[in-house]
């Protein structure tokens, strides 16, 4: 729910005719990671991810855990964000 609402703001006027504003998406993803990392250890566990879902659109946890070690680092989270929200020139406008 939080992610869906925030992406609506990012995709809105700041994105213009080119599609997503990638810098805004990455900044949002960084802040979101910090918010859902409940124990503030720099790692997102499956449990933290599930607690944060709240019924909104979220990427499956397994797609975020790029090295399959059972936790997601902020670096992995940002890489996954870029993967799911590619640069505007490679994407159809909404």
Protein backbone atom coordinates (compact mmCIF):
# COMPACT_ATOMS: atom_id res chain seq x y z
CA UNK A 1 0.00 0.00 0.00
CA UNK A 2 2.76 2.46 0.95
CA UNK A 3 4.84 1.46 -2.06
CA UNK A 4 1.89 1.72 -4.45
CA UNK A 5 0.96 5.20 -3.24
CA UNK A 6 4.54 6.43 -3.36
CA UNK A 7 5.13 5.08 -6.85
CA UNK A 8 2.04 7.01 -7.94
CA UNK A 9 3.74 10.17 -6.77
CA UNK A 10 7.02 9.26 -8.47
CA UNK A 11 5.38 8.35 -11.77
CA UNK A 12 3.32 11.53 -11.74
CA UNK A 13 4.49 14.97 -12.91
CA UNK A 14 8.17 14.47 -12.03
CA UNK A 15 8.45 11.65 -14.53
CA UNK A 16 7.14 13.64 -17.48
CA UNK A 17 6.60 11.99 -20.84
CA UNK A 18 9.68 9.79 -20.51
CA UNK A 19 8.22 7.41 -17.90
CA UNK A 20 9.72 6.73 -14.48
CA UNK A 21 12.03 9.16 -12.69
CA UNK A 22 14.75 6.62 -11.88
CA UNK A 23 16.60 8.82 -9.40
CA UNK A 24 13.41 9.39 -7.43
CA UNK A 25 12.65 5.66 -7.46
CA UNK A 26 16.11 4.79 -6.13
CA UNK A 27 15.90 7.48 -3.43
CA UNK A 28 12.48 6.19 -2.43
CA UNK A 29 13.73 2.58 -2.40
CA UNK A 30 16.62 3.56 -0.13
CA UNK A 31 14.27 5.27 2.32
CA UNK A 32 11.80 2.39 2.13
CA UNK A 33 14.55 -0.14 2.88
CA UNK A 34 15.55 1.87 5.96
CA UNK A 35 11.93 1.98 7.09
CA UNK A 36 11.18 -1.73 6.70
CA UNK A 37 14.51 -2.88 8.18
CA UNK A 38 12.83 -3.04 11.57
CA UNK A 39 15.86 -4.06 13.63
CA UNK A 40 18.11 -1.57 11.79
CA UNK A 41 20.82 -4.16 11.13
CA UNK A 42 21.18 -3.30 7.43
CA UNK A 43 19.62 -6.61 6.37
CA UNK A 44 16.06 -7.22 5.28
CA UNK A 45 14.77 -10.59 6.42
CA UNK A 46 11.83 -12.43 4.95
CA UNK A 47 9.89 -11.74 8.16
CA UNK A 48 10.55 -7.97 7.97
CA UNK A 49 9.50 -7.98 4.32
CA UNK A 50 6.25 -9.80 5.10
CA UNK A 51 5.45 -7.44 7.99
CA UNK A 52 5.90 -4.44 5.71
CA UNK A 53 3.77 -5.74 2.84
CA UNK A 54 0.49 -4.50 4.25
CA UNK A 55 -1.55 -5.66 1.27
CA UNK A 56 0.14 -3.41 -1.28
CA UNK A 57 2.15 -4.34 -4.34
CA UNK A 58 5.51 -5.81 -3.40
CA UNK A 59 8.10 -7.79 -5.28
CA UNK A 60 8.49 -11.37 -4.07
CA UNK A 61 11.23 -11.66 -1.46
CA UNK A 62 13.10 -14.31 -3.46
CA UNK A 63 13.56 -11.84 -6.32
CA UNK A 64 15.21 -9.36 -3.96
CA UNK A 65 17.66 -11.85 -2.43
CA UNK A 66 20.02 -11.81 -5.41
CA UNK A 67 22.77 -13.99 -3.91
CA UNK A 68 20.27 -16.38 -2.27
CA UNK A 69 21.81 -16.14 1.20
CA UNK A 70 18.48 -15.66 2.98
CA UNK A 71 18.75 -11.91 3.64
CA UNK A 72 18.57 -8.81 1.45
CA UNK A 73 21.18 -6.07 1.79
CA UNK A 74 20.43 -2.48 0.82
CA UNK A 75 22.72 -2.94 -2.20
CA UNK A 76 20.68 -5.96 -3.35
CA UNK A 77 17.47 -4.02 -2.75
CA UNK A 78 18.67 -1.13 -4.92
CA UNK A 79 19.87 -3.47 -7.69
CA UNK A 80 16.47 -5.18 -7.67
CA UNK A 81 14.78 -1.76 -7.78
CA UNK A 82 16.75 -0.84 -10.91
CA UNK A 83 15.86 -4.22 -12.41
CA UNK A 84 12.13 -3.78 -11.84
CA UNK A 85 12.11 -0.08 -12.79
CA UNK A 86 14.50 0.23 -15.74
CA UNK A 87 15.60 3.62 -17.13
CA UNK A 88 12.87 5.68 -18.78
CA UNK A 89 14.26 5.26 -22.29
CA UNK A 90 13.80 1.47 -22.04
CA UNK A 91 10.27 1.64 -20.74
CA UNK A 92 6.86 2.60 -22.07
CA UNK A 93 5.34 5.74 -20.52
CA UNK A 94 2.42 5.14 -18.22
